[in-house]
Amino acid sequence: LSPRDALSTVLLAMDYEHDSYNTPRIAAVIDNEATACLGIVTDQSLLVTAIDLA
């Protein structure tokens, strides 16, 4: 499972905060190849993007 897929799966499972603000949930992972994946899940979307840390 790639870091991107793992992050997507966890964010979909946890979903956004179901509070009065529909607070987005934000998470990130860093692999051992100097790449990070940043993910955000909102009440309308899921976004996961790779970021080069080198």
N, C-alpha and C. Protein backbone atom coordinates (compact mmCIF):
# COMPACT_ATOMS: atom_id res chain seq x y z
N LEU A 1 0.86 -1.18 0.00
CA LEU A 1 0.00 0.00 0.00
C LEU A 1 0.90 1.24 0.00
N SER A 2 0.66 2.12 -0.92
CA SER A 2 1.47 3.34 -1.00
C SER A 2 1.08 4.31 0.12
N PRO A 3 1.97 5.22 0.49
CA PRO A 3 1.61 6.23 1.50
C PRO A 3 0.37 7.03 1.10
N ARG A 4 0.26 7.35 -0.18
CA ARG A 4 -0.91 8.09 -0.66
C ARG A 4 -2.19 7.30 -0.44
N ASP A 5 -2.17 6.01 -0.79
CA ASP A 5 -3.36 5.18 -0.61
C ASP A 5 -3.69 4.97 0.86
N ALA A 6 -2.66 4.80 1.68
CA ALA A 6 -2.89 4.63 3.12
C ALA A 6 -3.51 5.88 3.73
N LEU A 7 -2.99 7.03 3.35
CA LEU A 7 -3.53 8.30 3.87
C LEU A 7 -4.96 8.50 3.41
N SER A 8 -5.24 8.21 2.15
CA SER A 8 -6.61 8.33 1.63
C SER A 8 -7.57 7.43 2.38
N THR A 9 -7.17 6.19 2.62
CA THR A 9 -8.02 5.24 3.32
C THR A 9 -8.35 5.70 4.73
N VAL A 10 -7.33 6.16 5.45
CA VAL A 10 -7.54 6.62 6.82
C VAL A 10 -8.43 7.86 6.86
N LEU A 11 -8.18 8.82 5.97
CA LEU A 11 -9.00 10.03 5.96
C LEU A 11 -10.45 9.73 5.59
N LEU A 12 -10.66 8.82 4.65
CA LEU A 12 -12.03 8.45 4.31
C LEU A 12 -12.73 7.76 5.48
N ALA A 13 -11.99 6.93 6.20
CA ALA A 13 -12.58 6.23 7.35
C ALA A 13 -12.89 7.19 8.49
N MET A 14 -12.00 8.13 8.76
CA MET A 14 -12.20 9.06 9.88
C MET A 14 -13.16 10.19 9.52
N ASP A 15 -13.19 10.58 8.25
CA ASP A 15 -14.09 11.62 7.74
C ASP A 15 -13.77 12.97 8.40
N TYR A 16 -14.48 13.99 8.00
CA TYR A 16 -14.31 15.31 8.59
C TYR A 16 -15.00 15.36 9.94
N GLU A 17 -14.72 16.39 10.72
CA GLU A 17 -15.38 16.55 12.02
C GLU A 17 -16.84 16.96 11.79
N HIS A 18 -17.74 16.17 12.31
CA HIS A 18 -19.16 16.48 12.16
C HIS A 18 -19.60 17.42 13.28
N ASP A 19 -19.03 18.62 13.27
CA ASP A 19 -19.40 19.63 14.26
C ASP A 19 -20.12 20.77 13.54
N SER A 20 -20.40 21.84 14.24
CA SER A 20 -21.15 22.95 13.65
C SER A 20 -20.36 23.68 12.57
N TYR A 21 -19.04 23.46 12.51
CA TYR A 21 -18.20 24.12 11.50
C TYR A 21 -17.81 23.19 10.36
N ASN A 22 -18.19 21.91 10.43
CA ASN A 22 -17.73 20.91 9.45
C ASN A 22 -16.22 21.00 9.28
N THR A 23 -15.51 20.98 10.40
CA THR A 23 -14.06 21.15 10.42
C THR A 23 -13.37 20.08 9.58
N PRO A 24 -12.50 20.48 8.64
CA PRO A 24 -11.77 19.49 7.86
C PRO A 24 -10.76 18.74 8.72
N ARG A 25 -10.47 17.52 8.32
CA ARG A 25 -9.44 16.74 8.99
C ARG A 25 -8.20 16.77 8.10
N ILE A 26 -7.05 17.04 8.69
CA ILE A 26 -5.80 17.18 7.95
C ILE A 26 -4.80 16.19 8.52
N ALA A 27 -4.10 15.48 7.63
CA ALA A 27 -3.10 14.50 8.06
C ALA A 27 -1.97 14.47 7.04
N ALA A 28 -0.82 13.97 7.47
CA ALA A 28 0.33 13.86 6.57
C ALA A 28 1.16 12.65 6.94
N VAL A 29 1.86 12.12 5.94
CA VAL A 29 2.82 11.04 6.16
C VAL A 29 4.09 11.38 5.39
N ILE A 30 5.21 10.91 5.91
CA ILE A 30 6.50 11.10 5.23
C ILE A 30 7.10 9.73 5.02
N ASP A 31 7.47 9.43 3.76
CA ASP A 31 8.12 8.15 3.51
C ASP A 31 9.64 8.31 3.59
N ASN A 32 10.35 7.24 3.39
CA ASN A 32 11.80 7.29 3.54
C ASN A 32 12.52 7.78 2.29
N GLU A 33 11.81 8.27 1.32
CA GLU A 33 12.40 8.78 0.08
C GLU A 33 12.28 10.29 -0.03
N ALA A 34 12.16 10.99 1.08
CA ALA A 34 12.06 12.45 1.12
C ALA A 34 10.83 12.98 0.38
N THR A 35 9.75 12.23 0.48
CA THR A 35 8.48 12.66 -0.09
C THR A 35 7.42 12.61 1.01
N ALA A 36 6.59 13.61 1.06
CA ALA A 36 5.48 13.63 2.01
C ALA A 36 4.17 13.60 1.24
N CYS A 37 3.14 13.12 1.89
CA CYS A 37 1.79 13.19 1.34
C CYS A 37 0.94 13.95 2.35
N LEU A 38 0.28 14.97 1.89
CA LEU A 38 -0.61 15.78 2.71
C LEU A 38 -2.03 15.51 2.26
N GLY A 39 -2.91 15.23 3.22
CA GLY A 39 -4.30 14.94 2.89
C GLY A 39 -5.25 15.78 3.70
N ILE A 40 -6.34 16.17 3.05
CA ILE A 40 -7.39 16.95 3.70
C ILE A 40 -8.73 16.37 3.27
N VAL A 41 -9.58 16.08 4.24
CA VAL A 41 -10.94 15.64 3.92
C VAL A 41 -11.90 16.67 4.50
N THR A 42 -12.83 17.12 3.67
CA THR A 42 -13.85 18.08 4.07
C THR A 42 -15.22 17.44 3.88
N ASP A 43 -16.26 18.20 4.12
CA ASP A 43 -17.60 17.68 3.90
C ASP A 43 -17.91 17.54 2.42
N GLN A 44 -17.05 18.07 1.54
CA GLN A 44 -17.31 18.01 0.10
C GLN A 44 -16.22 17.33 -0.71
N SER A 45 -15.03 17.11 -0.13
CA SER A 45 -13.96 16.56 -0.96
C SER A 45 -12.88 15.87 -0.13
N LEU A 46 -12.07 15.11 -0.85
CA LEU A 46 -10.86 14.49 -0.31
C LEU A 46 -9.73 14.87 -1.24
N LEU A 47 -8.67 15.44 -0.69
CA LEU A 47 -7.51 15.84 -1.49
C LEU A 47 -6.26 15.26 -0.85
N VAL A 48 -5.48 14.54 -1.64
CA VAL A 48 -4.19 14.02 -1.19
C VAL A 48 -3.17 14.40 -2.24
N THR A 49 -2.10 15.05 -1.82
CA THR A 49 -1.08 15.49 -2.75
C THR A 49 0.31 15.13 -2.24
N ALA A 50 1.21 14.85 -3.17
CA ALA A 50 2.59 14.53 -2.82
C ALA A 50 3.41 15.81 -2.80
N ILE A 51 4.34 15.88 -1.85
CA ILE A 51 5.21 17.04 -1.72
C ILE A 51 6.65 16.54 -1.65
N ASP A 52 7.50 17.05 -2.54
CA ASP A 52 8.92 16.69 -2.55
C ASP A 52 9.64 17.47 -1.46
N LEU A 53 10.29 16.78 -0.55
CA LEU A 53 10.97 17.42 0.57
C LEU A 53 12.46 17.65 0.32
N ALA A 54 12.95 17.22 -0.82
CA ALA A 54 14.38 17.37 -1.13
C ALA A 54 14.70 18.77 -1.61
